[in-house]
């Protein structure tokens, strides 16, 4: 865990408070902390807990993770990962299965990168392992019938053109259409 950097944390909170056009008293009330305690945090005299930082972040309408990074509780790479996850989970344009597949792919890459240091002996096989993992996740996605994701018979990735390719391979008396859920439906005469 990184060390607590209270001086710059307090300065950062003060800057965010001023940007939000809050007085010290207004922010303290909105965050549910006392005015003197918030003043001490801003001056770098007190070390707030993660819970207090979360309350302050909520009152300022900023990411709690941003304050955790400023406090040294969380490093920036972890924050980026959390923001990515939050973005995927909040995206209204993809369904729950697609969200889970994207998170699984991301997690598999993180595990591969953590297992193989860039200059270590395992680095040579890391790319091959990542590709194999991505193919396995793609195969699971195809089994889950996630539109636009899957693997061809040779294990290569393919996207939305998959349904069009299959339509062209069909006999003239059969056609395939994508239904409202994205699943391919076969119709005959």
C-alpha atoms as a PDB file:
ATOM      1  CA  UNK A   1       0.000   0.000   0.000  1.00  0.00           C
ATOM      2  CA  UNK A   2       1.316   3.458  -0.825  1.00  0.00           C
ATOM      3  CA  UNK A   3       2.030   6.002   1.897  1.00  0.00           C
ATOM      4  CA  UNK A   4      -0.551   8.575   2.832  1.00  0.00           C
ATOM      5  CA  UNK A   5       0.232  11.899   1.195  1.00  0.00           C
ATOM      6  CA  UNK A   6      -1.951  14.154   3.347  1.00  0.00           C
ATOM      7  CA  UNK A   7      -0.467  17.517   2.364  1.00  0.00           C
ATOM      8  CA  UNK A   8      -1.259  17.212  -1.304  1.00  0.00           C
ATOM      9  CA  UNK A   9      -4.524  15.410  -0.488  1.00  0.00           C
ATOM     10  CA  UNK A  10      -5.705  18.381   1.560  1.00  0.00           C
ATOM     11  CA  UNK A  11      -4.643  20.803  -1.151  1.00  0.00           C
ATOM     12  CA  UNK A  12      -6.463  18.705  -3.740  1.00  0.00           C
ATOM     13  CA  UNK A  13      -9.665  18.619  -1.671  1.00  0.00           C
ATOM     14  CA  UNK A  14      -9.453  22.384  -1.134  1.00  0.00           C
ATOM     15  CA  UNK A  15      -9.007  22.921  -4.884  1.00  0.00           C
ATOM     16  CA  UNK A  16     -11.970  20.668  -5.689  1.00  0.00           C
ATOM     17  CA  UNK A  17     -14.094  22.423  -3.053  1.00  0.00           C
ATOM     18  CA  UNK A  18     -13.287  25.815  -4.550  1.00  0.00           C
ATOM     19  CA  UNK A  19     -13.998  24.555  -8.076  1.00  0.00           C
ATOM     20  CA  UNK A  20     -17.387  23.348  -6.838  1.00  0.00           C
ATOM     21  CA  UNK A  21     -17.900  26.793  -5.258  1.00  0.00           C
ATOM     22  CA  UNK A  22     -18.494  25.354  -1.783  1.00  0.00           C
ATOM     23  CA  UNK A  23     -17.493  27.075   1.401  1.00  0.00           C
ATOM     24  CA  UNK A  24     -15.651  24.946   3.942  1.00  0.00           C
ATOM     25  CA  UNK A  25     -18.803  24.859   6.057  1.00  0.00           C
ATOM     26  CA  UNK A  26     -21.022  23.826   3.111  1.00  0.00           C
ATOM     27  CA  UNK A  27     -18.741  20.944   2.134  1.00  0.00           C
ATOM     28  CA  UNK A  28     -18.410  19.782   5.741  1.00  0.00           C
ATOM     29  CA  UNK A  29     -22.191  19.689   6.068  1.00  0.00           C
ATOM     30  CA  UNK A  30     -22.674  17.924   2.713  1.00  0.00           C
ATOM     31  CA  UNK A  31     -19.991  15.342   3.581  1.00  0.00           C
ATOM     32  CA  UNK A  32     -21.283  14.761   7.095  1.00  0.00           C
ATOM     33  CA  UNK A  33     -18.080  15.803   8.872  1.00  0.00           C
ATOM     34  CA  UNK A  34     -17.357  18.670  11.231  1.00  0.00           C
ATOM     35  CA  UNK A  35     -16.103  21.989   9.914  1.00  0.00           C
ATOM     36  CA  UNK A  36     -12.899  21.900  12.047  1.00  0.00           C
ATOM     37  CA  UNK A  37     -12.139  18.311  10.969  1.00  0.00           C
ATOM     38  CA  UNK A  38     -12.454  19.179   7.263  1.00  0.00           C
ATOM     39  CA  UNK A  39     -10.265  22.238   7.823  1.00  0.00           C
ATOM     40  CA  UNK A  40      -7.598  20.026   9.415  1.00  0.00           C
ATOM     41  CA  UNK A  41      -7.775  17.612   6.463  1.00  0.00           C
ATOM     42  CA  UNK A  42      -7.323  20.479   4.003  1.00  0.00           C
ATOM     43  CA  UNK A  43      -4.328  21.780   5.946  1.00  0.00           C
ATOM     44  CA  UNK A  44      -2.738  18.313   6.029  1.00  0.00           C
ATOM     45  CA  UNK A  45      -3.040  17.930   9.797  1.00  0.00           C
ATOM     46  CA  UNK A  46      -5.440  14.958   9.808  1.00  0.00           C
ATOM     47  CA  UNK A  47      -5.439  11.669   7.925  1.00  0.00           C
ATOM     48  CA  UNK A  48      -9.000  10.876   6.823  1.00  0.00           C
ATOM     49  CA  UNK A  49     -10.195   7.290   6.564  1.00  0.00           C
ATOM     50  CA  UNK A  50     -11.299   5.793   3.253  1.00  0.00           C
ATOM     51  CA  UNK A  51     -14.903   6.152   4.447  1.00  0.00           C
ATOM     52  CA  UNK A  52     -14.488   9.893   5.103  1.00  0.00           C
ATOM     53  CA  UNK A  53     -12.793  10.309   1.719  1.00  0.00           C
ATOM     54  CA  UNK A  54     -15.769   8.587   0.116  1.00  0.00           C
ATOM     55  CA  UNK A  55     -18.178  10.967   1.868  1.00  0.00           C
ATOM     56  CA  UNK A  56     -16.144  13.984   0.739  1.00  0.00           C
ATOM     57  CA  UNK A  57     -15.976  12.650  -2.827  1.00  0.00           C
ATOM     58  CA  UNK A  58     -19.732  12.104  -2.882  1.00  0.00           C
ATOM     59  CA  UNK A  59     -20.337  15.658  -1.649  1.00  0.00           C
ATOM     60  CA  UNK A  60     -17.948  17.050  -4.284  1.00  0.00           C
ATOM     61  CA  UNK A  61     -19.426  14.757  -6.958  1.00  0.00           C
ATOM     62  CA  UNK A  62     -16.027  13.357  -7.864  1.00  0.00           C
ATOM     63  CA  UNK A  63     -14.712   9.805  -7.939  1.00  0.00           C
ATOM     64  CA  UNK A  64     -13.784   8.403  -4.534  1.00  0.00           C
ATOM     65  CA  UNK A  65     -10.999   6.526  -6.301  1.00  0.00           C
ATOM     66  CA  UNK A  66      -9.479   9.865  -7.322  1.00  0.00           C
ATOM     67  CA  UNK A  67      -9.234  10.845  -3.655  1.00  0.00           C
ATOM     68  CA  UNK A  68      -7.838   7.403  -2.787  1.00  0.00           C
ATOM     69  CA  UNK A  69      -5.078   7.952  -5.354  1.00  0.00           C
ATOM     70  CA  UNK A  70      -4.365  11.420  -3.940  1.00  0.00           C
ATOM     71  CA  UNK A  71      -4.219   9.897  -0.445  1.00  0.00           C
ATOM     72  CA  UNK A  72      -1.880   7.128  -1.603  1.00  0.00           C
ATOM     73  CA  UNK A  73      -4.400   4.407  -0.713  1.00  0.00           C
ATOM     74  CA  UNK A  74      -4.772   3.338  -4.334  1.00  0.00           C
ATOM     75  CA  UNK A  75      -2.333   3.626  -7.207  1.00  0.00           C
ATOM     76  CA  UNK A  76      -3.316   5.159 -10.549  1.00  0.00           C
ATOM     77  CA  UNK A  77      -3.283   1.849 -12.421  1.00  0.00           C
ATOM     78  CA  UNK A  78      -5.856   0.436 -10.007  1.00  0.00           C
ATOM     79  CA  UNK A  79      -7.949   3.570 -10.441  1.00  0.00           C
ATOM     80  CA  UNK A  80      -7.853   3.198 -14.219  1.00  0.00           C
ATOM     81  CA  UNK A  81      -9.002  -0.413 -13.908  1.00  0.00           C
ATOM     82  CA  UNK A  82     -11.861   0.572 -11.618  1.00  0.00           C
ATOM     83  CA  UNK A  83     -12.936   3.332 -13.990  1.00  0.00           C
ATOM     84  CA  UNK A  84     -12.836   0.906 -16.907  1.00  0.00           C
ATOM     85  CA  UNK A  85     -14.995  -1.595 -15.026  1.00  0.00           C
ATOM     86  CA  UNK A  86     -17.442   1.111 -14.002  1.00  0.00           C
ATOM     87  CA  UNK A  87     -17.656   2.326 -17.599  1.00  0.00           C
ATOM     88  CA  UNK A  88     -18.377  -1.158 -18.916  1.00  0.00           C
ATOM     89  CA  UNK A  89     -20.986  -1.848 -16.243  1.00  0.00           C
ATOM     90  CA  UNK A  90     -22.687   1.515 -16.794  1.00  0.00           C
ATOM     91  CA  UNK A  91     -22.862   1.266 -20.596  1.00  0.00           C
ATOM     92  CA  UNK A  92     -26.547   1.035 -21.582  1.00  0.00           C
ATOM     93  CA  UNK A  93     -25.715  -0.044 -25.141  1.00  0.00           C
ATOM     94  CA  UNK A  94     -24.488  -3.520 -24.181  1.00  0.00           C
ATOM     95  CA  UNK A  95     -26.356  -6.244 -22.343  1.00  0.00           C
ATOM     96  CA  UNK A  96     -25.317  -7.983 -19.123  1.00  0.00           C
ATOM     97  CA  UNK A  97     -23.767 -10.998 -20.875  1.00  0.00           C
ATOM     98  CA  UNK A  98     -21.647  -8.728 -23.073  1.00  0.00           C
ATOM     99  CA  UNK A  99     -20.520  -6.790 -20.006  1.00  0.00           C
ATOM    100  CA  UNK A 100     -19.454 -10.006 -18.286  1.00  0.00           C
ATOM    101  CA  UNK A 101     -17.567 -11.172 -21.386  1.00  0.00           C
ATOM    102  CA  UNK A 102     -15.712  -7.851 -21.666  1.00  0.00           C
ATOM    103  CA  UNK A 103     -14.771  -7.982 -17.983  1.00  0.00           C
ATOM    104  CA  UNK A 104     -13.603 -11.592 -18.365  1.00  0.00           C
ATOM    105  CA  UNK A 105     -11.381 -10.630 -21.296  1.00  0.00           C
ATOM    106  CA  UNK A 106      -9.947  -7.693 -19.350  1.00  0.00           C
ATOM    107  CA  UNK A 107      -9.305  -9.887 -16.293  1.00  0.00           C
ATOM    108  CA  UNK A 108      -7.575 -12.533 -18.410  1.00  0.00           C
ATOM    109  CA  UNK A 109      -5.198  -9.925 -19.832  1.00  0.00           C
ATOM    110  CA  UNK A 110      -4.444  -8.568 -16.359  1.00  0.00           C
ATOM    111  CA  UNK A 111      -3.643 -12.069 -15.092  1.00  0.00           C
ATOM    112  CA  UNK A 112      -1.393 -12.756 -18.056  1.00  0.00           C
ATOM    113  CA  UNK A 113       0.460  -9.470 -17.610  1.00  0.00           C
ATOM    114  CA  UNK A 114       0.892 -10.032 -13.884  1.00  0.00           C
ATOM    115  CA  UNK A 115       2.202 -13.567 -14.429  1.00  0.00           C
ATOM    116  CA  UNK A 116       4.830 -12.536 -16.963  1.00  0.00           C
ATOM    117  CA  UNK A 117       7.188  -9.661 -16.301  1.00  0.00           C
ATOM    118  CA  UNK A 118       8.151  -7.788 -19.509  1.00  0.00           C
ATOM    119  CA  UNK A 119      11.773  -8.929 -19.315  1.00  0.00           C
ATOM    120  CA  UNK A 120      11.274 -12.255 -17.549  1.00  0.00           C
ATOM    121  CA  UNK A 121      11.626 -15.729 -19.082  1.00  0.00           C
ATOM    122  CA  UNK A 122       7.849 -16.165 -19.248  1.00  0.00           C
ATOM    123  CA  UNK A 123       7.505 -13.111 -21.522  1.00  0.00           C
ATOM    124  CA  UNK A 124       8.132 -15.137 -24.670  1.00  0.00           C
ATOM    125  CA  UNK A 125       5.022 -17.253 -24.131  1.00  0.00           C
ATOM    126  CA  UNK A 126       2.866 -14.466 -22.692  1.00  0.00           C
ATOM    127  CA  UNK A 127       1.573 -13.310 -26.066  1.00  0.00           C
ATOM    128  CA  UNK A 128       0.646 -16.854 -27.079  1.00  0.00           C
ATOM    129  CA  UNK A 129      -1.086 -17.419 -23.731  1.00  0.00           C
ATOM    130  CA  UNK A 130      -3.013 -14.146 -24.057  1.00  0.00           C
ATOM    131  CA  UNK A 131      -4.164 -15.116 -27.551  1.00  0.00           C
ATOM    132  CA  UNK A 132      -5.230 -18.578 -26.354  1.00  0.00           C
ATOM    133  CA  UNK A 133      -7.116 -17.004 -23.458  1.00  0.00           C
ATOM    134  CA  UNK A 134      -8.816 -14.512 -25.762  1.00  0.00           C
ATOM    135  CA  UNK A 135      -9.829 -17.354 -28.091  1.00  0.00           C
ATOM    136  CA  UNK A 136     -11.241 -19.339 -25.174  1.00  0.00           C
ATOM    137  CA  UNK A 137     -13.235 -16.330 -24.011  1.00  0.00           C
ATOM    138  CA  UNK A 138     -14.409 -15.812 -27.596  1.00  0.00           C
ATOM    139  CA  UNK A 139     -15.554 -19.428 -27.758  1.00  0.00           C
ATOM    140  CA  UNK A 140     -17.514 -18.927 -24.540  1.00  0.00           C
ATOM    141  CA  UNK A 141     -19.012 -15.763 -26.022  1.00  0.00           C
ATOM    142  CA  UNK A 142     -20.093 -17.704 -29.106  1.00  0.00           C
ATOM    143  CA  UNK A 143     -21.716 -20.337 -26.904  1.00  0.00           C
ATOM    144  CA  UNK A 144     -23.499 -17.570 -25.021  1.00  0.00           C
ATOM    145  CA  UNK A 145     -24.781 -16.262 -28.374  1.00  0.00           C
ATOM    146  CA  UNK A 146     -23.412 -12.779 -27.753  1.00  0.00           C
ATOM    147  CA  UNK A 147     -23.996 -10.828 -30.979  1.00  0.00           C
ATOM    148  CA  UNK A 148     -20.844  -9.717 -32.739  1.00  0.00           C
ATOM    149  CA  UNK A 149     -18.429 -11.853 -30.728  1.00  0.00           C
ATOM    150  CA  UNK A 150     -17.208 -15.382 -31.318  1.00  0.00           C
ATOM    151  CA  UNK A 151     -14.649 -17.530 -33.042  1.00  0.00           C
ATOM    152  CA  UNK A 152     -14.524 -19.217 -36.411  1.00  0.00           C
ATOM    153  CA  UNK A 153     -13.776 -22.944 -36.779  1.00  0.00           C
ATOM    154  CA  UNK A 154     -10.057 -22.173 -36.978  1.00  0.00           C
ATOM    155  CA  UNK A 155     -10.200 -20.234 -33.686  1.00  0.00           C
ATOM    156  CA  UNK A 156      -9.755 -16.806 -35.253  1.00  0.00           C
ATOM    157  CA  UNK A 157     -11.804 -13.840 -34.082  1.00  0.00           C
ATOM    158  CA  UNK A 158     -14.648 -12.491 -36.153  1.00  0.00           C
ATOM    159  CA  UNK A 159     -17.339  -9.923 -35.627  1.00  0.00           C
ATOM    160  CA  UNK A 160     -20.618  -8.718 -37.090  1.00  0.00           C
ATOM    161  CA  UNK A 161     -19.751  -9.979 -40.604  1.00  0.00           C
ATOM    162  CA  UNK A 162     -20.308 -13.508 -39.315  1.00  0.00           C
ATOM    163  CA  UNK A 163     -24.055 -13.503 -40.005  1.00  0.00           C
ATOM    164  CA  UNK A 164     -23.543 -12.027 -43.476  1.00  0.00           C
ATOM    165  CA  UNK A 165     -20.963 -14.689 -44.344  1.00  0.00           C
ATOM    166  CA  UNK A 166     -23.308 -17.439 -43.225  1.00  0.00           C
ATOM    167  CA  UNK A 167     -26.170 -15.900 -45.222  1.00  0.00           C
ATOM    168  CA  UNK A 168     -24.082 -16.088 -48.385  1.00  0.00           C
ATOM    169  CA  UNK A 169     -23.217 -19.736 -47.716  1.00  0.00           C
ATOM    170  CA  UNK A 170     -26.886 -20.712 -47.313  1.00  0.00           C
ATOM    171  CA  UNK A 171     -28.910 -22.397 -50.022  1.00  0.00           C
ATOM    172  CA  UNK A 172     -31.136 -19.983 -51.979  1.00  0.00           C
ATOM    173  CA  UNK A 173     -34.281 -21.360 -50.324  1.00  0.00           C
ATOM    174  CA  UNK A 174     -32.972 -20.590 -46.837  1.00  0.00           C
ATOM    175  CA  UNK A 175     -32.021 -17.228 -45.413  1.00  0.00           C
ATOM    176  CA  UNK A 176     -30.829 -16.107 -42.020  1.00  0.00           C
ATOM    177  CA  UNK A 177     -31.878 -12.972 -40.242  1.00  0.00           C
ATOM    178  CA  UNK A 178     -30.739 -11.512 -36.988  1.00  0.00           C
ATOM    179  CA  UNK A 179     -33.559 -11.329 -34.479  1.00  0.00           C
ATOM    180  CA  UNK A 180     -34.111  -8.430 -32.077  1.00  0.00           C
ATOM    181  CA  UNK A 181     -31.829 -10.102 -29.522  1.00  0.00           C
ATOM    182  CA  UNK A 182     -29.044 -10.441 -32.109  1.00  0.00           C
ATOM    183  CA  UNK A 183     -29.387 -14.222 -32.406  1.00  0.00           C
ATOM    184  CA  UNK A 184     -29.248 -15.615 -35.931  1.00  0.00           C
ATOM    185  CA  UNK A 185     -32.558 -17.116 -37.017  1.00  0.00           C
ATOM    186  CA  UNK A 186     -32.890 -19.450 -40.018  1.00  0.00           C
ATOM    187  CA  UNK A 187     -36.028 -19.319 -42.125  1.00  0.00           C
ATOM    188  CA  UNK A 188     -37.007 -21.579 -44.993  1.00  0.00           C
ATOM    189  CA  UNK A 189     -39.622 -21.506 -47.780  1.00  0.00           C
END
